[in-house]
Structures are given as structure tokens and as C-alpha cells.
Amino acid sequence: MSKILSKVEFTIGNKEKHKVSIEKERSFLGISIIINIDNKEERKERVSTFGKKRFDLEIGNKENHEMKVEVNIPLFPDFRQWRCEVYIDGKIKDIYHL
């Protein structure tokens, strides 16, 4: 059984809009980062150590965007917030805390 610990959502695109969510999930195997685009799971990676995880994705069909997600995982990840930086087409969109 898994449990979503935190989640952020935002929209990308001007004419062709896409809903993106980034989730921090706990299961009996540990903590995972999940990236969903339009309610479809695109990436899921289990996190076992502190440091930085980076995800590069292309979003869109006619209106293409490059999305980079950098998640900074603290030394004690169960007890501290994770900093999540989202870049769209090379420019920072926002900084979230998971």
C-alpha cells in the first residue's frame, strides 16, 4: 500500500495545455518521486539517498516544451521538505516544496 505524502500541480502551455503533477509517495519499498502529465504516469523513481534527482521530459505535440525537474533531497528525507525546481524551456517556472 502506498501513500502520497505531498503533491504539487501546475499547467504548461499556451494553446495546448497540459496538467503536470509531481508527487512524493511512500510505500513499503521507500519513498518515490512520481511525475504525471495529463493524469498519466510519465516517470517514477524510488529515492534511496540524499542529493539531487533530475528529470528531463518533453511535453506537447504541436506546442512542444522541454521541462526539467530538479528535486533536492535532504539528508533526513522523512523529516524535512524537499525542494523541487521546475524549468520550462530553460527558464525557471517555480520552486515548490514537497
C-alpha atoms as a PDB file:
ATOM      1  CA  MET A   1       0.000   0.000   0.000  1.00  0.00           C
ATOM      2  CA  SER A   2       1.309   3.439  -0.869  1.00  0.00           C
ATOM      3  CA  LYS A   3       0.501   6.898   0.423  1.00  0.00           C
ATOM      4  CA  ILE A   4       1.005  10.264  -1.275  1.00  0.00           C
ATOM      5  CA  LEU A   5       2.928  12.434   1.186  1.00  0.00           C
ATOM      6  CA  SER A   6       2.797  15.653  -0.848  1.00  0.00           C
ATOM      7  CA  LYS A   7       1.796  16.795  -4.313  1.00  0.00           C
ATOM      8  CA  VAL A   8       2.092  19.910  -6.498  1.00  0.00           C
ATOM      9  CA  GLU A   9       0.150  20.617  -9.686  1.00  0.00           C
ATOM     10  CA  PHE A  10       0.525  23.170 -12.454  1.00  0.00           C
ATOM     11  CA  THR A  11      -0.331  23.711 -16.124  1.00  0.00           C
ATOM     12  CA  ILE A  12       2.088  24.051 -19.031  1.00  0.00           C
ATOM     13  CA  GLY A  13       1.311  25.512 -22.446  1.00  0.00           C
ATOM     14  CA  ASN A  14      -0.460  28.438 -24.042  1.00  0.00           C
ATOM     15  CA  LYS A  15      -2.736  26.952 -26.720  1.00  0.00           C
ATOM     16  CA  GLU A  16      -2.033  23.276 -25.982  1.00  0.00           C
ATOM     17  CA  LYS A  17      -2.394  22.944 -22.218  1.00  0.00           C
ATOM     18  CA  HIS A  18      -1.043  20.032 -20.168  1.00  0.00           C
ATOM     19  CA  LYS A  19      -1.620  19.303 -16.487  1.00  0.00           C
ATOM     20  CA  VAL A  20       1.534  18.271 -14.630  1.00  0.00           C
ATOM     21  CA  SER A  21       1.698  16.848 -11.120  1.00  0.00           C
ATOM     22  CA  ILE A  22       4.741  15.930  -9.064  1.00  0.00           C
ATOM     23  CA  GLU A  23       4.165  13.611  -6.119  1.00  0.00           C
ATOM     24  CA  LYS A  24       6.208  12.307  -3.217  1.00  0.00           C
ATOM     25  CA  GLU A  25       4.922   8.842  -2.350  1.00  0.00           C
ATOM     26  CA  ARG A  26       5.717   6.416   0.454  1.00  0.00           C
ATOM     27  CA  SER A  27       5.367   2.661   0.076  1.00  0.00           C
ATOM     28  CA  PHE A  28       6.863  -0.294   1.919  1.00  0.00           C
ATOM     29  CA  LEU A  29       9.824  -0.060  -0.509  1.00  0.00           C
ATOM     30  CA  GLY A  30      10.644   3.534   0.460  1.00  0.00           C
ATOM     31  CA  ILE A  31       9.944   6.981  -0.974  1.00  0.00           C
ATOM     32  CA  SER A  32       9.361   7.619  -4.691  1.00  0.00           C
ATOM     33  CA  ILE A  33       9.033  10.679  -6.891  1.00  0.00           C
ATOM     34  CA  ILE A  34       6.255  10.444  -9.480  1.00  0.00           C
ATOM     35  CA  ILE A  35       5.717  12.832 -12.408  1.00  0.00           C
ATOM     36  CA  ASN A  36       2.329  12.699 -14.124  1.00  0.00           C
ATOM     37  CA  ILE A  37       1.362  14.512 -17.314  1.00  0.00           C
ATOM     38  CA  ASP A  38      -2.347  14.745 -18.129  1.00  0.00           C
ATOM     39  CA  ASN A  39      -3.064  12.165 -15.391  1.00  0.00           C
ATOM     40  CA  LYS A  40      -0.691   9.627 -16.983  1.00  0.00           C
ATOM     41  CA  GLU A  41       2.392   8.481 -15.082  1.00  0.00           C
ATOM     42  CA  GLU A  42       5.480   9.506 -17.060  1.00  0.00           C
ATOM     43  CA  ARG A  43       8.252   8.912 -14.547  1.00  0.00           C
ATOM     44  CA  LYS A  44       8.555   7.155 -11.223  1.00  0.00           C
ATOM     45  CA  GLU A  45      11.834   6.782  -9.388  1.00  0.00           C
ATOM     46  CA  ARG A  46      12.495   5.412  -5.950  1.00  0.00           C
ATOM     47  CA  VAL A  47      14.764   7.570  -3.825  1.00  0.00           C
ATOM     48  CA  SER A  48      17.240   5.867  -1.527  1.00  0.00           C
ATOM     49  CA  THR A  49      19.824   8.552  -0.755  1.00  0.00           C
ATOM     50  CA  PHE A  50      20.014  12.293  -0.288  1.00  0.00           C
ATOM     51  CA  GLY A  51      21.211  14.520  -3.099  1.00  0.00           C
ATOM     52  CA  LYS A  52      19.717  15.769  -6.346  1.00  0.00           C
ATOM     53  CA  LYS A  53      17.469  13.912  -8.794  1.00  0.00           C
ATOM     54  CA  ARG A  54      16.897  15.347 -12.246  1.00  0.00           C
ATOM     55  CA  PHE A  55      14.154  14.525 -14.713  1.00  0.00           C
ATOM     56  CA  ASP A  56      14.074  15.765 -18.321  1.00  0.00           C
ATOM     57  CA  LEU A  57      10.803  15.492 -20.219  1.00  0.00           C
ATOM     58  CA  GLU A  58       9.341  16.784 -23.476  1.00  0.00           C
ATOM     59  CA  ILE A  59       5.725  17.878 -23.276  1.00  0.00           C
ATOM     60  CA  GLY A  60       3.289  18.641 -26.069  1.00  0.00           C
ATOM     61  CA  ASN A  61       2.512  17.639 -29.616  1.00  0.00           C
ATOM     62  CA  LYS A  62       2.180  20.824 -31.686  1.00  0.00           C
ATOM     63  CA  GLU A  63       3.318  23.168 -28.925  1.00  0.00           C
ATOM     64  CA  ASN A  64       6.465  21.468 -27.591  1.00  0.00           C
ATOM     65  CA  HIS A  65       8.094  22.348 -24.287  1.00  0.00           C
ATOM     66  CA  GLU A  66      11.151  20.981 -22.536  1.00  0.00           C
ATOM     67  CA  MET A  67      10.574  20.506 -18.827  1.00  0.00           C
ATOM     68  CA  LYS A  68      13.370  19.889 -16.358  1.00  0.00           C
ATOM     69  CA  VAL A  69      12.577  18.962 -12.758  1.00  0.00           C
ATOM     70  CA  GLU A  70      15.324  19.034 -10.131  1.00  0.00           C
ATOM     71  CA  VAL A  71      14.462  17.583  -6.736  1.00  0.00           C
ATOM     72  CA  ASN A  72      16.866  18.263  -3.874  1.00  0.00           C
ATOM     73  CA  ILE A  73      16.530  15.529  -1.286  1.00  0.00           C
ATOM     74  CA  PRO A  74      17.765  16.436   2.215  1.00  0.00           C
ATOM     75  CA  LEU A  75      19.924  14.285   4.471  1.00  0.00           C
ATOM     76  CA  PHE A  76      16.942  13.068   6.511  1.00  0.00           C
ATOM     77  CA  PRO A  77      14.265  12.871   3.787  1.00  0.00           C
ATOM     78  CA  ASP A  78      11.496  11.524   6.020  1.00  0.00           C
ATOM     79  CA  PHE A  79      11.570  14.558   8.292  1.00  0.00           C
ATOM     80  CA  ARG A  80      12.335  17.509   6.021  1.00  0.00           C
ATOM     81  CA  GLN A  81      10.779  19.168   2.993  1.00  0.00           C
ATOM     82  CA  TRP A  82      12.233  18.527  -0.446  1.00  0.00           C
ATOM     83  CA  ARG A  83      12.987  21.474  -2.720  1.00  0.00           C
ATOM     84  CA  CYS A  84      11.670  20.973  -6.247  1.00  0.00           C
ATOM     85  CA  GLU A  85      12.725  23.355  -9.038  1.00  0.00           C
ATOM     86  CA  VAL A  86      10.787  23.263 -12.311  1.00  0.00           C
ATOM     87  CA  TYR A  87      12.232  24.721 -15.520  1.00  0.00           C
ATOM     88  CA  ILE A  88      10.245  25.161 -18.735  1.00  0.00           C
ATOM     89  CA  ASP A  89      12.233  25.769 -21.931  1.00  0.00           C
ATOM     90  CA  GLY A  90      15.330  26.610 -19.881  1.00  0.00           C
ATOM     91  CA  LYS A  91      13.631  29.212 -17.650  1.00  0.00           C
ATOM     92  CA  ILE A  92      12.623  28.620 -14.068  1.00  0.00           C
ATOM     93  CA  LYS A  93       8.870  28.286 -13.699  1.00  0.00           C
ATOM     94  CA  ASP A  94       8.673  27.906  -9.948  1.00  0.00           C
ATOM     95  CA  ILE A  95      10.170  26.402  -6.804  1.00  0.00           C
ATOM     96  CA  TYR A  96       7.966  24.007  -4.859  1.00  0.00           C
ATOM     97  CA  HIS A  97       8.410  22.147  -1.579  1.00  0.00           C
ATOM     98  CA  LEU A  98       7.363  18.529  -1.392  1.00  0.00           C
END
